[in-house]
Amino acid sequence: MSNENESVDGNRVVGSRSLAVVEYITRSLADEPDEIDVEVDERAEDEVFFLVHANPGDMGRLIGRRGRVIQAIRQVTRAAGASEGVKVGVDVAD
């Protein structure tokens, strides 16, 4: 996935590990994994925000009861970002 807002440091895309984690988890949870699209918004040199677009039927699966699934996705993604020195945020588009 290519996005003109992504920053490249040498050959490394900022937040690439976090992006891979978000894509892997959301596609694993979705009934329609081919319809998952992750929009990348680089807010600063070391801060990235991911907005997950999914089939409307998969929204409940990605958010979970009381938001527990999306909170878990955020926590795992933040851990992946921390290993790269990047602050990461994740949300699901309406």
PDB file of N, CA and C in Angstrom:
ATOM      1  N   MET A   1       0.851  -1.164   0.000  1.00  0.00           N
ATOM      2  CA  MET A   1       0.000   0.000   0.000  1.00  0.00           C
ATOM      3  C   MET A   1       0.897   1.226   0.000  1.00  0.00           C
ATOM      4  N   SER A   2       0.641   2.107  -0.891  1.00  0.00           N
ATOM      5  CA  SER A   2       1.448   3.313  -0.985  1.00  0.00           C
ATOM      6  C   SER A   2       0.579   4.513  -0.658  1.00  0.00           C
ATOM      7  N   ASN A   3       1.156   5.423   0.085  1.00  0.00           N
ATOM      8  CA  ASN A   3       0.428   6.631   0.460  1.00  0.00           C
ATOM      9  C   ASN A   3       1.412   7.783   0.371  1.00  0.00           C
ATOM     10  N   GLU A   4       1.011   8.870  -0.265  1.00  0.00           N
ATOM     11  CA  GLU A   4       1.930   9.988  -0.442  1.00  0.00           C
ATOM     12  C   GLU A   4       2.298  10.677   0.859  1.00  0.00           C
ATOM     13  N   ASN A   5       1.562  10.409   1.955  1.00  0.00           N
ATOM     14  CA  ASN A   5       1.873  11.022   3.234  1.00  0.00           C
ATOM     15  C   ASN A   5       2.915  10.248   4.028  1.00  0.00           C
ATOM     16  N   GLU A   6       3.293   9.057   3.549  1.00  0.00           N
ATOM     17  CA  GLU A   6       4.265   8.263   4.279  1.00  0.00           C
ATOM     18  C   GLU A   6       5.654   8.880   4.135  1.00  0.00           C
ATOM     19  N   SER A   7       6.393   8.839   5.211  1.00  0.00           N
ATOM     20  CA  SER A   7       7.741   9.374   5.206  1.00  0.00           C
ATOM     21  C   SER A   7       8.719   8.223   5.111  1.00  0.00           C
ATOM     22  N   VAL A   8       9.745   8.413   4.331  1.00  0.00           N
ATOM     23  CA  VAL A   8      10.732   7.364   4.161  1.00  0.00           C
ATOM     24  C   VAL A   8      12.053   7.836   4.741  1.00  0.00           C
ATOM     25  N   ASP A   9      12.611   7.043   5.633  1.00  0.00           N
ATOM     26  CA  ASP A   9      13.905   7.324   6.230  1.00  0.00           C
ATOM     27  C   ASP A   9      14.862   6.293   5.670  1.00  0.00           C
ATOM     28  N   GLY A  10      15.595   6.658   4.626  1.00  0.00           N
ATOM     29  CA  GLY A  10      16.390   5.666   3.916  1.00  0.00           C
ATOM     30  C   GLY A  10      15.409   4.781   3.172  1.00  0.00           C
ATOM     31  N   ASN A  11      15.415   3.492   3.468  1.00  0.00           N
ATOM     32  CA  ASN A  11      14.457   2.572   2.866  1.00  0.00           C
ATOM     33  C   ASN A  11      13.329   2.226   3.825  1.00  0.00           C
ATOM     34  N   ARG A  12      13.313   2.834   4.984  1.00  0.00           N
ATOM     35  CA  ARG A  12      12.356   2.469   6.030  1.00  0.00           C
ATOM     36  C   ARG A  12      11.167   3.427   6.031  1.00  0.00           C
ATOM     37  N   VAL A  13       9.977   2.874   5.969  1.00  0.00           N
ATOM     38  CA  VAL A  13       8.758   3.671   6.071  1.00  0.00           C
ATOM     39  C   VAL A  13       8.432   3.814   7.552  1.00  0.00           C
ATOM     40  N   VAL A  14       8.180   5.029   8.010  1.00  0.00           N
ATOM     41  CA  VAL A  14       7.875   5.272   9.421  1.00  0.00           C
ATOM     42  C   VAL A  14       6.586   4.543   9.782  1.00  0.00           C
ATOM     43  N   GLY A  15       6.651   3.719  10.821  1.00  0.00           N
ATOM     44  CA  GLY A  15       5.484   2.978  11.280  1.00  0.00           C
ATOM     45  C   GLY A  15       5.154   1.750  10.466  1.00  0.00           C
ATOM     46  N   SER A  16       6.095   1.245   9.687  1.00  0.00           N
ATOM     47  CA  SER A  16       5.801   0.103   8.818  1.00  0.00           C
ATOM     48  C   SER A  16       5.452  -1.154   9.614  1.00  0.00           C
ATOM     49  N   ARG A  17       6.107  -1.383  10.727  1.00  0.00           N
ATOM     50  CA  ARG A  17       5.796  -2.556  11.546  1.00  0.00           C
ATOM     51  C   ARG A  17       4.388  -2.419  12.131  1.00  0.00           C
ATOM     52  N   SER A  18       4.051  -1.233  12.586  1.00  0.00           N
ATOM     53  CA  SER A  18       2.714  -0.983  13.135  1.00  0.00           C
ATOM     54  C   SER A  18       1.647  -1.162  12.065  1.00  0.00           C
ATOM     55  N   LEU A  19       1.915  -0.679  10.868  1.00  0.00           N
ATOM     56  CA  LEU A  19       0.980  -0.836   9.757  1.00  0.00           C
ATOM     57  C   LEU A  19       0.755  -2.312   9.459  1.00  0.00           C
ATOM     58  N   ALA A  20       1.825  -3.084   9.434  1.00  0.00           N
ATOM     59  CA  ALA A  20       1.706  -4.518   9.179  1.00  0.00           C
ATOM     60  C   ALA A  20       0.865  -5.193  10.260  1.00  0.00           C
ATOM     61  N   VAL A  21       1.037  -4.778  11.507  1.00  0.00           N
ATOM     62  CA  VAL A  21       0.269  -5.349  12.621  1.00  0.00           C
ATOM     63  C   VAL A  21      -1.216  -5.022  12.466  1.00  0.00           C
ATOM     64  N   VAL A  22      -1.527  -3.766  12.174  1.00  0.00           N
ATOM     65  CA  VAL A  22      -2.928  -3.358  12.007  1.00  0.00           C
ATOM     66  C   VAL A  22      -3.576  -4.126  10.859  1.00  0.00           C
ATOM     67  N   GLU A  23      -2.891  -4.200   9.728  1.00  0.00           N
ATOM     68  CA  GLU A  23      -3.445  -4.907   8.583  1.00  0.00           C
ATOM     69  C   GLU A  23      -3.653  -6.384   8.891  1.00  0.00           C
ATOM     70  N   TYR A  24      -2.689  -7.018   9.515  1.00  0.00           N
ATOM     71  CA  TYR A  24      -2.784  -8.441   9.824  1.00  0.00           C
ATOM     72  C   TYR A  24      -3.953  -8.730  10.773  1.00  0.00           C
ATOM     73  N   ILE A  25      -4.047  -7.981  11.860  1.00  0.00           N
ATOM     74  CA  ILE A  25      -5.093  -8.229  12.853  1.00  0.00           C
ATOM     75  C   ILE A  25      -6.480  -7.957  12.271  1.00  0.00           C
ATOM     76  N   THR A  26      -6.647  -6.815  11.608  1.00  0.00           N
ATOM     77  CA  THR A  26      -7.975  -6.467  11.101  1.00  0.00           C
ATOM     78  C   THR A  26      -8.426  -7.430  10.007  1.00  0.00           C
ATOM     79  N   ARG A  27      -7.513  -7.840   9.140  1.00  0.00           N
ATOM     80  CA  ARG A  27      -7.883  -8.795   8.090  1.00  0.00           C
ATOM     81  C   ARG A  27      -8.178 -10.175   8.671  1.00  0.00           C
ATOM     82  N   SER A  28      -7.515 -10.524   9.751  1.00  0.00           N
ATOM     83  CA  SER A  28      -7.769 -11.809  10.406  1.00  0.00           C
ATOM     84  C   SER A  28      -9.145 -11.833  11.063  1.00  0.00           C
ATOM     85  N   LEU A  29      -9.592 -10.705  11.564  1.00  0.00           N
ATOM     86  CA  LEU A  29     -10.883 -10.623  12.248  1.00  0.00           C
ATOM     87  C   LEU A  29     -12.062 -10.471  11.287  1.00  0.00           C
ATOM     88  N   ALA A  30     -11.834  -9.891  10.133  1.00  0.00           N
ATOM     89  CA  ALA A  30     -12.919  -9.540   9.213  1.00  0.00           C
ATOM     90  C   ALA A  30     -13.438 -10.746   8.423  1.00  0.00           C
ATOM     91  N   ASP A  31     -14.743 -10.737   8.159  1.00  0.00           N
ATOM     92  CA  ASP A  31     -15.340 -11.728   7.264  1.00  0.00           C
ATOM     93  C   ASP A  31     -14.983 -11.421   5.814  1.00  0.00           C
ATOM     94  N   GLU A  32     -14.770 -10.156   5.519  1.00  0.00           N
ATOM     95  CA  GLU A  32     -14.396  -9.705   4.171  1.00  0.00           C
ATOM     96  C   GLU A  32     -13.004  -9.053   4.225  1.00  0.00           C
ATOM     97  N   PRO A  33     -11.939  -9.850   4.374  1.00  0.00           N
ATOM     98  CA  PRO A  33     -10.600  -9.274   4.553  1.00  0.00           C
ATOM     99  C   PRO A  33     -10.094  -8.450   3.367  1.00  0.00           C
ATOM    100  N   ASP A  34     -10.602  -8.742   2.173  1.00  0.00           N
ATOM    101  CA  ASP A  34     -10.163  -7.983   0.998  1.00  0.00           C
ATOM    102  C   ASP A  34     -10.697  -6.555   0.998  1.00  0.00           C
ATOM    103  N   GLU A  35     -11.703  -6.293   1.808  1.00  0.00           N
ATOM    104  CA  GLU A  35     -12.278  -4.954   1.866  1.00  0.00           C
ATOM    105  C   GLU A  35     -11.657  -4.083   2.955  1.00  0.00           C
ATOM    106  N   ILE A  36     -10.673  -4.614   3.660  1.00  0.00           N
ATOM    107  CA  ILE A  36      -9.966  -3.821   4.678  1.00  0.00           C
ATOM    108  C   ILE A  36      -8.981  -2.906   3.965  1.00  0.00           C
ATOM    109  N   ASP A  37      -9.036  -1.628   4.315  1.00  0.00           N
ATOM    110  CA  ASP A  37      -8.094  -0.646   3.779  1.00  0.00           C
ATOM    111  C   ASP A  37      -7.632   0.219   4.949  1.00  0.00           C
ATOM    112  N   VAL A  38      -6.337   0.360   5.096  1.00  0.00           N
ATOM    113  CA  VAL A  38      -5.792   1.145   6.202  1.00  0.00           C
ATOM    114  C   VAL A  38      -5.207   2.434   5.643  1.00  0.00           C
ATOM    115  N   GLU A  39      -5.783   3.547   6.055  1.00  0.00           N
ATOM    116  CA  GLU A  39      -5.315   4.872   5.644  1.00  0.00           C
ATOM    117  C   GLU A  39      -4.250   5.334   6.640  1.00  0.00           C
ATOM    118  N   VAL A  40      -3.121   5.799   6.122  1.00  0.00           N
ATOM    119  CA  VAL A  40      -2.008   6.222   6.964  1.00  0.00           C
ATOM    120  C   VAL A  40      -1.933   7.743   6.975  1.00  0.00           C
ATOM    121  N   ASP A  41      -1.874   8.300   8.177  1.00  0.00           N
ATOM    122  CA  ASP A  41      -1.752   9.751   8.338  1.00  0.00           C
ATOM    123  C   ASP A  41      -0.550  10.015   9.239  1.00  0.00           C
ATOM    124  N   GLU A  42       0.523  10.479   8.642  1.00  0.00           N
ATOM    125  CA  GLU A  42       1.715  10.795   9.432  1.00  0.00           C
ATOM    126  C   GLU A  42       1.552  12.194  10.001  1.00  0.00           C
ATOM    127  N   ARG A  43       1.485  12.275  11.323  1.00  0.00           N
ATOM    128  CA  ARG A  43       1.218  13.557  11.975  1.00  0.00           C
ATOM    129  C   ARG A  43       2.489  14.298  12.350  1.00  0.00           C
ATOM    130  N   ALA A  44       3.540  13.574  12.581  1.00  0.00           N
ATOM    131  CA  ALA A  44       4.838  14.154  12.911  1.00  0.00           C
ATOM    132  C   ALA A  44       5.896  13.135  12.487  1.00  0.00           C
ATOM    133  N   GLU A  45       7.142  13.500  12.683  1.00  0.00           N
ATOM    134  CA  GLU A  45       8.231  12.600  12.286  1.00  0.00           C
ATOM    135  C   GLU A  45       8.158  11.255  12.996  1.00  0.00           C
ATOM    136  N   ASP A  46       7.660  11.264  14.231  1.00  0.00           N
ATOM    137  CA  ASP A  46       7.606  10.027  15.008  1.00  0.00           C
ATOM    138  C   ASP A  46       6.194   9.709  15.489  1.00  0.00           C
ATOM    139  N   GLU A  47       5.182  10.157  14.741  1.00  0.00           N
ATOM    140  CA  GLU A  47       3.791   9.920  15.128  1.00  0.00           C
ATOM    141  C   GLU A  47       2.966   9.572  13.894  1.00  0.00           C
ATOM    142  N   VAL A  48       2.261   8.436  13.956  1.00  0.00           N
ATOM    143  CA  VAL A  48       1.473   7.944  12.829  1.00  0.00           C
ATOM    144  C   VAL A  48       0.079   7.571  13.325  1.00  0.00           C
ATOM    145  N   PHE A  49      -0.925   7.852  12.501  1.00  0.00           N
ATOM    146  CA  PHE A  49      -2.305   7.484  12.831  1.00  0.00           C
ATOM    147  C   PHE A  49      -2.856   6.622  11.705  1.00  0.00           C
ATOM    148  N   PHE A  50      -3.496   5.516  12.069  1.00  0.00           N
ATOM    149  CA  PHE A  50      -4.086   4.607  11.095  1.00  0.00           C
ATOM    150  C   PHE A  50      -5.595   4.653  11.214  1.00  0.00           C
ATOM    151  N   LEU A  51      -6.275   4.824  10.083  1.00  0.00           N
ATOM    152  CA  LEU A  51      -7.723   4.794  10.029  1.00  0.00           C
ATOM    153  C   LEU A  51      -8.120   3.580   9.198  1.00  0.00           C
ATOM    154  N   VAL A  52      -8.809   2.643   9.835  1.00  0.00           N
ATOM    155  CA  VAL A  52      -9.184   1.386   9.192  1.00  0.00           C
ATOM    156  C   VAL A  52     -10.556   1.527   8.556  1.00  0.00           C
ATOM    157  N   HIS A  53     -10.627   1.275   7.252  1.00  0.00           N
ATOM    158  CA  HIS A  53     -11.892   1.256   6.521  1.00  0.00           C
ATOM    159  C   HIS A  53     -12.232  -0.207   6.281  1.00  0.00           C
ATOM    160  N   ALA A  54     -13.483  -0.593   6.606  1.00  0.00           N
ATOM    161  CA  ALA A  54     -13.895  -1.984   6.467  1.00  0.00           C
ATOM    162  C   ALA A  54     -15.316  -2.058   5.944  1.00  0.00           C
ATOM    163  N   ASN A  55     -15.706  -3.245   5.531  1.00  0.00           N
ATOM    164  CA  ASN A  55     -17.070  -3.528   5.143  1.00  0.00           C
ATOM    165  C   ASN A  55     -17.962  -3.225   6.344  1.00  0.00           C
ATOM    166  N   PRO A  56     -19.121  -2.586   6.137  1.00  0.00           N
ATOM    167  CA  PRO A  56     -20.003  -2.270   7.271  1.00  0.00           C
ATOM    168  C   PRO A  56     -20.359  -3.491   8.129  1.00  0.00           C
ATOM    169  N   GLY A  57     -20.417  -4.656   7.525  1.00  0.00           N
ATOM    170  CA  GLY A  57     -20.717  -5.864   8.271  1.00  0.00           C
ATOM    171  C   GLY A  57     -19.608  -6.281   9.218  1.00  0.00           C
ATOM    172  N   ASP A  58     -18.392  -5.798   8.980  1.00  0.00           N
ATOM    173  CA  ASP A  58     -17.245  -6.147   9.822  1.00  0.00           C
ATOM    174  C   ASP A  58     -16.975  -5.127  10.920  1.00  0.00           C
ATOM    175  N   MET A  59     -17.675  -4.015  10.910  1.00  0.00           N
ATOM    176  CA  MET A  59     -17.407  -2.957  11.880  1.00  0.00           C
ATOM    177  C   MET A  59     -17.570  -3.448  13.314  1.00  0.00           C
ATOM    178  N   GLY A  60     -18.637  -4.182  13.579  1.00  0.00           N
ATOM    179  CA  GLY A  60     -18.877  -4.692  14.922  1.00  0.00           C
ATOM    180  C   GLY A  60     -17.794  -5.645  15.383  1.00  0.00           C
ATOM    181  N   ARG A  61     -17.282  -6.457  14.464  1.00  0.00           N
ATOM    182  CA  ARG A  61     -16.206  -7.392  14.796  1.00  0.00           C
ATOM    183  C   ARG A  61     -14.929  -6.637  15.162  1.00  0.00           C
ATOM    184  N   LEU A  62     -14.661  -5.541  14.460  1.00  0.00           N
ATOM    185  CA  LEU A  62     -13.429  -4.785  14.708  1.00  0.00           C
ATOM    186  C   LEU A  62     -13.522  -3.931  15.970  1.00  0.00           C
ATOM    187  N   ILE A  63     -14.710  -3.471  16.293  1.00  0.00           N
ATOM    188  CA  ILE A  63     -14.881  -2.633  17.483  1.00  0.00           C
ATOM    189  C   ILE A  63     -15.080  -3.497  18.724  1.00  0.00           C
ATOM    190  N   GLY A  64     -15.924  -4.519  18.620  1.00  0.00           N
ATOM    191  CA  GLY A  64     -16.156  -5.424  19.736  1.00  0.00           C
ATOM    192  C   GLY A  64     -17.115  -4.847  20.756  1.00  0.00           C
ATOM    193  N   ARG A  65     -17.522  -5.685  21.672  1.00  0.00           N
ATOM    194  CA  ARG A  65     -18.419  -5.238  22.731  1.00  0.00           C
ATOM    195  C   ARG A  65     -17.695  -4.258  23.638  1.00  0.00           C
ATOM    196  N   ARG A  66     -18.365  -3.141  23.846  1.00  0.00           N
ATOM    197  CA  ARG A  66     -17.806  -2.063  24.673  1.00  0.00           C
ATOM    198  C   ARG A  66     -16.442  -1.587  24.181  1.00  0.00           C
ATOM    199  N   GLY A  67     -16.147  -1.802  22.900  1.00  0.00           N
ATOM    200  CA  GLY A  67     -14.896  -1.326  22.316  1.00  0.00           C
ATOM    201  C   GLY A  67     -13.665  -2.114  22.715  1.00  0.00           C
ATOM    202  N   ARG A  68     -13.860  -3.306  23.219  1.00  0.00           N
ATOM    203  CA  ARG A  68     -12.722  -4.078  23.725  1.00  0.00           C
ATOM    204  C   ARG A  68     -11.779  -4.544  22.625  1.00  0.00           C
ATOM    205  N   VAL A  69     -12.310  -4.905  21.466  1.00  0.00           N
ATOM    206  CA  VAL A  69     -11.448  -5.393  20.377  1.00  0.00           C
ATOM    207  C   VAL A  69     -10.585  -4.259  19.835  1.00  0.00           C
ATOM    208  N   ILE A  70     -11.190  -3.099  19.556  1.00  0.00           N
ATOM    209  CA  ILE A  70     -10.390  -1.989  19.037  1.00  0.00           C
ATOM    210  C   ILE A  70      -9.366  -1.524  20.067  1.00  0.00           C
ATOM    211  N   GLN A  71      -9.700  -1.587  21.347  1.00  0.00           N
ATOM    212  CA  GLN A  71      -8.735  -1.224  22.387  1.00  0.00           C
ATOM    213  C   GLN A  71      -7.551  -2.188  22.368  1.00  0.00           C
ATOM    214  N   ALA A  72      -7.822  -3.477  22.177  1.00  0.00           N
ATOM    215  CA  ALA A  72      -6.738  -4.463  22.110  1.00  0.00           C
ATOM    216  C   ALA A  72      -5.879  -4.235  20.873  1.00  0.00           C
ATOM    217  N   ILE A  73      -6.524  -3.913  19.745  1.00  0.00           N
ATOM    218  CA  ILE A  73      -5.770  -3.625  18.518  1.00  0.00           C
ATOM    219  C   ILE A  73      -4.870  -2.410  18.742  1.00  0.00           C
ATOM    220  N   ARG A  74      -5.407  -1.377  19.385  1.00  0.00           N
ATOM    221  CA  ARG A  74      -4.616  -0.175  19.683  1.00  0.00           C
ATOM    222  C   ARG A  74      -3.415  -0.505  20.563  1.00  0.00           C
ATOM    223  N   GLN A  75      -3.630  -1.338  21.569  1.00  0.00           N
ATOM    224  CA  GLN A  75      -2.552  -1.661  22.502  1.00  0.00           C
ATOM    225  C   GLN A  75      -1.431  -2.439  21.809  1.00  0.00           C
ATOM    226  N   VAL A  76      -1.784  -3.424  21.014  1.00  0.00           N
ATOM    227  CA  VAL A  76      -0.775  -4.213  20.298  1.00  0.00           C
ATOM    228  C   VAL A  76      -0.040  -3.337  19.281  1.00  0.00           C
ATOM    229  N   THR A  77      -0.791  -2.467  18.611  1.00  0.00           N
ATOM    230  CA  THR A  77      -0.179  -1.584  17.612  1.00  0.00           C
ATOM    231  C   THR A  77       0.753  -0.572  18.265  1.00  0.00           C
ATOM    232  N   ARG A  78       0.353  -0.041  19.434  1.00  0.00           N
ATOM    233  CA  ARG A  78       1.248   0.880  20.158  1.00  0.00           C
ATOM    234  C   ARG A  78       2.544   0.184  20.554  1.00  0.00           C
ATOM    235  N   ALA A  79       2.448  -1.082  20.956  1.00  0.00           N
ATOM    236  CA  ALA A  79       3.651  -1.841  21.316  1.00  0.00           C
ATOM    237  C   ALA A  79       4.554  -2.016  20.103  1.00  0.00           C
ATOM    238  N   ALA A  80       3.970  -2.305  18.946  1.00  0.00           N
ATOM    239  CA  ALA A  80       4.764  -2.435  17.715  1.00  0.00           C
ATOM    240  C   ALA A  80       5.411  -1.099  17.362  1.00  0.00           C
ATOM    241  N   GLY A  81       4.677  -0.012  17.532  1.00  0.00           N
ATOM    242  CA  GLY A  81       5.219   1.319  17.254  1.00  0.00           C
ATOM    243  C   GLY A  81       6.334   1.692  18.213  1.00  0.00           C
ATOM    244  N   ALA A  82       6.169   1.316  19.480  1.00  0.00           N
ATOM    245  CA  ALA A  82       7.192   1.628  20.482  1.00  0.00           C
ATOM    246  C   ALA A  82       8.506   0.944  20.150  1.00  0.00           C
ATOM    247  N   SER A  83       8.431  -0.232  19.550  1.00  0.00           N
ATOM    248  CA  SER A  83       9.666  -0.934  19.178  1.00  0.00           C
ATOM    249  C   SER A  83      10.401  -0.202  18.057  1.00  0.00           C
ATOM    250  N   GLU A  84       9.680   0.667  17.336  1.00  0.00           N
ATOM    251  CA  GLU A  84      10.284   1.476  16.276  1.00  0.00           C
ATOM    252  C   GLU A  84      10.523   2.922  16.722  1.00  0.00           C
ATOM    253  N   GLY A  85      10.082   3.255  17.928  1.00  0.00           N
ATOM    254  CA  GLY A  85      10.199   4.618  18.411  1.00  0.00           C
ATOM    255  C   GLY A  85       9.164   5.541  17.819  1.00  0.00           C
ATOM    256  N   VAL A  86       7.988   4.995  17.489  1.00  0.00           N
ATOM    257  CA  VAL A  86       6.924   5.755  16.849  1.00  0.00           C
ATOM    258  C   VAL A  86       5.672   5.698  17.718  1.00  0.00           C
ATOM    259  N   LYS A  87       5.010   6.851  17.905  1.00  0.00           N
ATOM    260  CA  LYS A  87       3.721   6.887  18.593  1.00  0.00           C
ATOM    261  C   LYS A  87       2.645   6.577  17.563  1.00  0.00           C
ATOM    262  N   VAL A  88       1.725   5.676  17.930  1.00  0.00           N
ATOM    263  CA  VAL A  88       0.743   5.190  16.971  1.00  0.00           C
ATOM    264  C   VAL A  88      -0.664   5.332  17.522  1.00  0.00           C
ATOM    265  N   GLY A  89      -1.591   5.705  16.651  1.00  0.00           N
ATOM    266  CA  GLY A  89      -3.007   5.741  16.996  1.00  0.00           C
ATOM    267  C   GLY A  89      -3.781   4.963  15.941  1.00  0.00           C
ATOM    268  N   VAL A  90      -4.882   4.331  16.354  1.00  0.00           N
ATOM    269  CA  VAL A  90      -5.704   3.531  15.451  1.00  0.00           C
ATOM    270  C   VAL A  90      -7.163   3.833  15.718  1.00  0.00           C
ATOM    271  N   ASP A  91      -7.946   3.942  14.642  1.00  0.00           N
ATOM    272  CA  ASP A  91      -9.397   4.086  14.772  1.00  0.00           C
ATOM    273  C   ASP A  91     -10.055   3.405  13.587  1.00  0.00           C
ATOM    274  N   VAL A  92     -11.350   3.118  13.725  1.00  0.00           N
ATOM    275  CA  VAL A  92     -12.127   2.493  12.662  1.00  0.00           C
ATOM    276  C   VAL A  92     -13.046   3.552  12.089  1.00  0.00           C
ATOM    277  N   ALA A  93     -13.059   3.692  10.752  1.00  0.00           N
ATOM    278  CA  ALA A  93     -13.898   4.689  10.090  1.00  0.00           C
ATOM    279  C   ALA A  93     -15.355   4.266  10.122  1.00  0.00           C
ATOM    280  N   ASP A  94     -16.243   5.234  10.267  1.00  0.00           N
ATOM    281  CA  ASP A  94     -17.685   4.946  10.269  1.00  0.00           C
ATOM    282  C   ASP A  94     -18.176   4.627   8.888  1.00  0.00           C
TER     283      ASP A  94
END
